N, C-alpha and C. Protein backbone atom coordinates (compact mmCIF):
# COMPACT_ATOMS: atom_id res chain seq x y z
N MET A 1 -37.40 159.89 104.33
CA MET A 1 -35.98 160.15 104.33
C MET A 1 -35.48 160.13 105.77
N ILE A 2 -34.33 159.51 105.95
CA ILE A 2 -33.67 159.47 107.24
C ILE A 2 -32.31 160.15 107.08
N GLN A 3 -31.98 161.04 108.01
CA GLN A 3 -30.70 161.72 107.95
C GLN A 3 -29.98 161.55 109.28
N ILE A 4 -28.69 161.18 109.20
CA ILE A 4 -27.87 160.99 110.39
C ILE A 4 -26.55 161.72 110.15
N ASN A 5 -26.11 162.49 111.12
CA ASN A 5 -24.85 163.24 111.02
C ASN A 5 -23.95 162.85 112.19
N LYS A 6 -22.66 162.71 111.90
CA LYS A 6 -21.67 162.44 112.94
C LYS A 6 -20.48 163.34 112.72
N LYS A 7 -19.87 163.76 113.84
CA LYS A 7 -18.69 164.63 113.77
C LYS A 7 -17.68 164.16 114.81
N LEU A 8 -16.42 164.13 114.40
CA LEU A 8 -15.32 163.81 115.30
C LEU A 8 -14.12 164.62 114.83
N ASN A 9 -13.73 165.58 115.65
CA ASN A 9 -12.64 166.50 115.28
C ASN A 9 -12.94 167.13 113.92
N ARG A 10 -12.08 166.96 112.93
CA ARG A 10 -12.36 167.61 111.64
C ARG A 10 -13.18 166.74 110.69
N ILE A 11 -13.57 165.55 111.15
CA ILE A 11 -14.37 164.65 110.32
C ILE A 11 -15.85 164.94 110.54
N GLU A 12 -16.55 165.24 109.46
CA GLU A 12 -17.99 165.41 109.50
C GLU A 12 -18.58 164.54 108.40
N ILE A 13 -19.45 163.60 108.80
CA ILE A 13 -20.04 162.67 107.84
C ILE A 13 -21.55 162.79 107.89
N GLN A 14 -22.18 162.75 106.72
CA GLN A 14 -23.63 162.80 106.62
C GLN A 14 -24.12 161.53 105.92
N LEU A 15 -25.13 160.91 106.50
CA LEU A 15 -25.80 159.78 105.87
C LEU A 15 -27.24 160.19 105.61
N VAL A 16 -27.68 160.00 104.39
CA VAL A 16 -29.07 160.24 104.02
C VAL A 16 -29.58 158.96 103.39
N ALA A 17 -30.73 158.47 103.86
CA ALA A 17 -31.30 157.24 103.34
C ALA A 17 -32.70 157.52 102.80
N PHE A 18 -32.95 157.06 101.61
CA PHE A 18 -34.24 157.21 100.96
C PHE A 18 -34.90 155.85 100.84
N GLU A 19 -36.09 155.72 101.43
CA GLU A 19 -36.83 154.47 101.31
C GLU A 19 -37.51 154.43 99.94
N MET A 20 -37.42 153.27 99.32
CA MET A 20 -38.03 153.05 98.01
C MET A 20 -38.90 151.80 98.14
N GLY A 21 -40.10 151.97 98.72
CA GLY A 21 -40.90 150.81 99.06
C GLY A 21 -40.20 150.07 100.19
N LYS A 22 -39.92 148.78 99.98
CA LYS A 22 -39.20 148.02 101.02
C LYS A 22 -37.68 148.04 100.79
N ASP A 23 -37.22 148.77 99.80
CA ASP A 23 -35.80 148.90 99.50
C ASP A 23 -35.28 150.24 100.00
N ILE A 24 -33.96 150.43 99.94
CA ILE A 24 -33.38 151.66 100.46
C ILE A 24 -32.14 152.07 99.65
N CYS A 25 -31.98 153.38 99.49
CA CYS A 25 -30.80 153.96 98.87
C CYS A 25 -30.12 154.83 99.92
N VAL A 26 -28.86 154.53 100.20
CA VAL A 26 -28.09 155.24 101.23
C VAL A 26 -27.00 156.06 100.56
N ILE A 27 -26.89 157.32 100.95
CA ILE A 27 -25.84 158.20 100.45
C ILE A 27 -25.02 158.66 101.65
N LEU A 28 -23.72 158.39 101.60
CA LEU A 28 -22.81 158.74 102.68
C LEU A 28 -21.73 159.66 102.14
N THR A 29 -21.65 160.87 102.69
CA THR A 29 -20.67 161.84 102.20
C THR A 29 -19.99 162.53 103.38
N GLY A 30 -18.85 163.14 103.07
CA GLY A 30 -18.13 163.92 104.06
C GLY A 30 -16.99 164.65 103.40
N GLY A 31 -16.58 165.75 104.01
CA GLY A 31 -15.52 166.56 103.42
C GLY A 31 -15.97 167.07 102.06
N LYS A 32 -15.14 166.85 101.05
CA LYS A 32 -15.51 167.22 99.68
C LYS A 32 -16.33 166.07 99.10
N ALA A 33 -17.65 166.26 99.05
CA ALA A 33 -18.55 165.19 98.59
C ALA A 33 -18.31 164.86 97.13
N HIS A 34 -18.39 163.58 96.82
CA HIS A 34 -18.24 163.07 95.46
C HIS A 34 -18.77 161.64 95.45
N LEU A 35 -18.70 160.97 94.33
CA LEU A 35 -19.10 159.57 94.26
C LEU A 35 -17.85 158.72 94.04
N GLY A 36 -17.47 157.97 95.07
CA GLY A 36 -16.26 157.17 95.01
C GLY A 36 -16.51 155.68 94.88
N SER A 37 -17.67 155.22 95.35
CA SER A 37 -17.98 153.79 95.30
C SER A 37 -19.47 153.57 95.50
N VAL A 38 -19.96 152.48 94.92
CA VAL A 38 -21.35 152.07 95.10
C VAL A 38 -21.35 150.58 95.41
N THR A 39 -22.10 150.19 96.44
CA THR A 39 -22.30 148.78 96.76
C THR A 39 -23.80 148.52 96.75
N ILE A 40 -24.19 147.45 96.07
CA ILE A 40 -25.60 147.05 96.03
C ILE A 40 -25.73 145.65 96.59
N GLY A 41 -26.90 145.36 97.15
CA GLY A 41 -27.08 144.02 97.69
C GLY A 41 -28.47 143.76 98.21
N THR A 42 -28.61 142.56 98.73
CA THR A 42 -29.84 142.07 99.34
C THR A 42 -29.45 140.93 100.27
N GLN A 43 -30.35 140.53 101.14
CA GLN A 43 -30.05 139.43 102.05
C GLN A 43 -29.80 138.11 101.32
N ASP A 44 -30.45 137.92 100.19
CA ASP A 44 -30.42 136.63 99.51
C ASP A 44 -29.20 136.37 98.63
N TYR A 45 -28.49 137.42 98.24
CA TYR A 45 -27.38 137.26 97.31
C TYR A 45 -26.16 138.03 97.81
N SER A 46 -25.00 137.72 97.25
CA SER A 46 -23.80 138.45 97.64
C SER A 46 -23.87 139.89 97.14
N THR A 47 -23.21 140.77 97.85
CA THR A 47 -23.20 142.17 97.45
C THR A 47 -22.24 142.36 96.27
N GLU A 48 -22.46 143.43 95.53
CA GLU A 48 -21.56 143.80 94.44
C GLU A 48 -21.12 145.23 94.66
N THR A 49 -19.84 145.47 94.48
CA THR A 49 -19.28 146.80 94.70
C THR A 49 -18.64 147.31 93.42
N PHE A 50 -18.86 148.60 93.18
CA PHE A 50 -18.33 149.26 92.00
C PHE A 50 -17.51 150.48 92.44
N PRO A 51 -16.19 150.30 92.62
CA PRO A 51 -15.35 151.46 92.92
C PRO A 51 -15.20 152.31 91.67
N ILE A 52 -15.10 153.60 91.86
CA ILE A 52 -14.98 154.51 90.74
C ILE A 52 -13.55 155.04 90.70
N GLY A 53 -12.87 154.75 89.62
CA GLY A 53 -11.48 155.18 89.47
C GLY A 53 -10.61 154.62 90.58
N THR A 54 -9.79 155.47 91.14
CA THR A 54 -8.85 155.05 92.19
C THR A 54 -9.37 155.32 93.60
N HIS A 55 -10.65 155.69 93.71
CA HIS A 55 -11.22 155.98 95.03
C HIS A 55 -11.23 154.73 95.91
N LYS A 56 -11.09 154.95 97.21
CA LYS A 56 -11.00 153.85 98.17
C LYS A 56 -12.27 153.67 99.02
N GLU A 57 -13.32 154.41 98.70
CA GLU A 57 -14.54 154.32 99.51
C GLU A 57 -15.19 152.95 99.47
N TYR A 58 -14.76 152.08 98.55
CA TYR A 58 -15.33 150.73 98.48
C TYR A 58 -15.16 150.00 99.82
N VAL A 59 -14.13 150.34 100.56
CA VAL A 59 -13.92 149.73 101.88
C VAL A 59 -15.11 150.07 102.79
N ILE A 60 -15.54 151.31 102.75
CA ILE A 60 -16.67 151.76 103.57
C ILE A 60 -17.97 151.16 103.07
N THR A 61 -18.22 151.24 101.76
CA THR A 61 -19.51 150.74 101.24
C THR A 61 -19.65 149.24 101.48
N GLU A 62 -18.55 148.50 101.40
CA GLU A 62 -18.63 147.06 101.65
C GLU A 62 -18.91 146.76 103.12
N MET A 63 -18.32 147.54 104.03
CA MET A 63 -18.61 147.35 105.46
C MET A 63 -20.08 147.64 105.75
N LEU A 64 -20.60 148.74 105.20
CA LEU A 64 -21.99 149.08 105.41
C LEU A 64 -22.91 148.06 104.75
N GLY A 65 -22.49 147.56 103.61
CA GLY A 65 -23.27 146.52 102.93
C GLY A 65 -23.43 145.28 103.79
N GLU A 66 -22.37 144.89 104.49
CA GLU A 66 -22.46 143.72 105.37
C GLU A 66 -23.42 143.97 106.52
N ILE A 67 -23.40 145.18 107.05
CA ILE A 67 -24.33 145.53 108.15
C ILE A 67 -25.76 145.47 107.65
N LEU A 68 -26.04 146.10 106.51
CA LEU A 68 -27.40 146.09 105.97
C LEU A 68 -27.84 144.68 105.59
N LYS A 69 -26.95 143.91 105.03
CA LYS A 69 -27.29 142.55 104.62
C LYS A 69 -27.76 141.72 105.81
N LYS A 70 -27.15 141.94 106.96
CA LYS A 70 -27.51 141.19 108.17
C LYS A 70 -28.77 141.72 108.85
N ARG A 71 -29.01 143.03 108.73
CA ARG A 71 -30.05 143.64 109.56
C ARG A 71 -31.22 144.25 108.81
N TYR A 72 -31.18 144.25 107.46
CA TYR A 72 -32.23 144.88 106.68
C TYR A 72 -32.75 143.89 105.65
N SER A 73 -34.05 143.78 105.51
CA SER A 73 -34.62 142.72 104.67
C SER A 73 -34.79 143.10 103.20
N GLY A 74 -34.69 144.37 102.85
CA GLY A 74 -34.90 144.77 101.46
C GLY A 74 -33.60 144.87 100.67
N ASN A 75 -33.75 145.22 99.41
CA ASN A 75 -32.58 145.51 98.58
C ASN A 75 -31.99 146.85 99.02
N PHE A 76 -30.69 147.03 98.76
CA PHE A 76 -30.08 148.30 99.14
C PHE A 76 -29.01 148.71 98.14
N ALA A 77 -28.82 150.02 98.07
CA ALA A 77 -27.72 150.62 97.32
C ALA A 77 -27.05 151.62 98.25
N ILE A 78 -25.72 151.56 98.31
CA ILE A 78 -24.96 152.48 99.16
C ILE A 78 -23.99 153.24 98.26
N CYS A 79 -24.14 154.55 98.24
CA CYS A 79 -23.25 155.42 97.46
C CYS A 79 -22.41 156.20 98.46
N CYS A 80 -21.10 156.27 98.23
CA CYS A 80 -20.23 156.93 99.20
C CYS A 80 -19.14 157.74 98.52
N GLY A 81 -18.89 158.91 99.06
CA GLY A 81 -17.79 159.75 98.63
C GLY A 81 -17.36 160.64 99.79
N ILE A 82 -16.22 160.34 100.38
CA ILE A 82 -15.71 161.11 101.52
C ILE A 82 -14.27 161.50 101.19
N HIS A 83 -13.99 162.80 101.22
CA HIS A 83 -12.62 163.25 100.94
C HIS A 83 -12.21 164.31 101.95
N LEU A 84 -11.11 164.04 102.64
CA LEU A 84 -10.49 165.01 103.53
C LEU A 84 -9.05 165.18 103.06
N ASP A 85 -8.64 166.39 102.79
CA ASP A 85 -7.25 166.64 102.40
C ASP A 85 -6.31 166.16 103.49
N ASN A 86 -5.22 165.52 103.09
CA ASN A 86 -4.17 165.07 104.01
C ASN A 86 -4.72 164.21 105.15
N ILE A 87 -5.65 163.31 104.83
CA ILE A 87 -6.23 162.45 105.86
C ILE A 87 -5.16 161.53 106.45
N THR A 88 -5.23 161.32 107.76
CA THR A 88 -4.27 160.46 108.45
C THR A 88 -4.84 159.04 108.56
N LYS A 89 -3.99 158.09 108.90
CA LYS A 89 -4.46 156.71 109.10
C LYS A 89 -5.47 156.65 110.23
N GLU A 90 -5.24 157.43 111.28
CA GLU A 90 -6.18 157.46 112.41
C GLU A 90 -7.54 158.01 111.96
N GLU A 91 -7.52 159.05 111.14
CA GLU A 91 -8.78 159.62 110.64
C GLU A 91 -9.50 158.64 109.72
N ILE A 92 -8.76 157.87 108.94
CA ILE A 92 -9.39 156.85 108.09
C ILE A 92 -10.10 155.83 108.97
N SER A 93 -9.45 155.42 110.04
CA SER A 93 -10.07 154.49 110.99
C SER A 93 -11.31 155.11 111.63
N ASP A 94 -11.23 156.39 111.98
CA ASP A 94 -12.38 157.09 112.57
C ASP A 94 -13.54 157.17 111.58
N VAL A 95 -13.25 157.44 110.31
CA VAL A 95 -14.29 157.48 109.27
C VAL A 95 -14.99 156.13 109.19
N ALA A 96 -14.22 155.05 109.18
CA ALA A 96 -14.80 153.71 109.11
C ALA A 96 -15.68 153.43 110.32
N SER A 97 -15.18 153.77 111.50
CA SER A 97 -15.94 153.54 112.73
C SER A 97 -17.23 154.35 112.76
N LEU A 98 -17.14 155.63 112.44
CA LEU A 98 -18.34 156.48 112.43
C LEU A 98 -19.35 156.00 111.39
N SER A 99 -18.87 155.58 110.24
CA SER A 99 -19.76 155.10 109.18
C SER A 99 -20.52 153.86 109.63
N CYS A 100 -19.83 152.94 110.29
CA CYS A 100 -20.50 151.74 110.79
C CYS A 100 -21.51 152.07 111.88
N GLN A 101 -21.16 153.01 112.75
CA GLN A 101 -22.12 153.45 113.78
C GLN A 101 -23.38 154.01 113.12
N MET A 102 -23.18 154.78 112.06
CA MET A 102 -24.32 155.39 111.37
C MET A 102 -25.19 154.32 110.70
N ALA A 103 -24.57 153.30 110.14
CA ALA A 103 -25.33 152.21 109.52
C ALA A 103 -26.15 151.46 110.57
N GLU A 104 -25.56 151.22 111.73
CA GLU A 104 -26.29 150.56 112.83
C GLU A 104 -27.46 151.43 113.28
N GLU A 105 -27.23 152.73 113.41
CA GLU A 105 -28.30 153.65 113.80
C GLU A 105 -29.41 153.67 112.74
N LEU A 106 -29.03 153.64 111.48
CA LEU A 106 -30.02 153.59 110.40
C LEU A 106 -30.89 152.35 110.53
N CYS A 107 -30.27 151.21 110.77
CA CYS A 107 -31.04 149.97 110.92
C CYS A 107 -32.02 150.05 112.08
N LEU A 108 -31.60 150.65 113.18
CA LEU A 108 -32.49 150.83 114.33
C LEU A 108 -33.67 151.73 113.97
N GLN A 109 -33.40 152.84 113.28
CA GLN A 109 -34.48 153.74 112.89
C GLN A 109 -35.45 153.07 111.92
N LEU A 110 -34.93 152.29 111.00
CA LEU A 110 -35.79 151.58 110.06
C LEU A 110 -36.66 150.56 110.78
N LYS A 111 -36.09 149.89 111.75
CA LYS A 111 -36.84 148.89 112.53
C LYS A 111 -37.98 149.55 113.31
N LYS A 112 -37.73 150.72 113.87
CA LYS A 112 -38.75 151.45 114.63
C LYS A 112 -39.92 151.89 113.76
N LYS A 113 -39.63 152.16 112.48
CA LYS A 113 -40.68 152.63 111.57
C LYS A 113 -41.68 151.54 111.20
N LYS A 114 -41.29 150.27 111.37
CA LYS A 114 -42.17 149.16 110.97
C LYS A 114 -43.24 148.89 111.99
């Protein structure tokens, strides 16, 4: 298991990744944790995203999916649910940026383990 935490002002995001052989399951949460979107993929095929209800986390899972698709050789599943009451546009941008930083850090940690 790999765990990465990032904080910026009132934004606190946690990434936990579970290795499943050569595959990986990533869980990204923050604020009021829930399941808002799931993206699955592999290097060989296009990713598929499943937003749940009206949640917008699919934007985050798709960005992370593109990072993993380029830098990770196994199959992956990314589950995300981040909720902050009265989130601002700037905070949404910060969440996206922090999430991508965490995905890059995850890829580096996975590479070191090999």
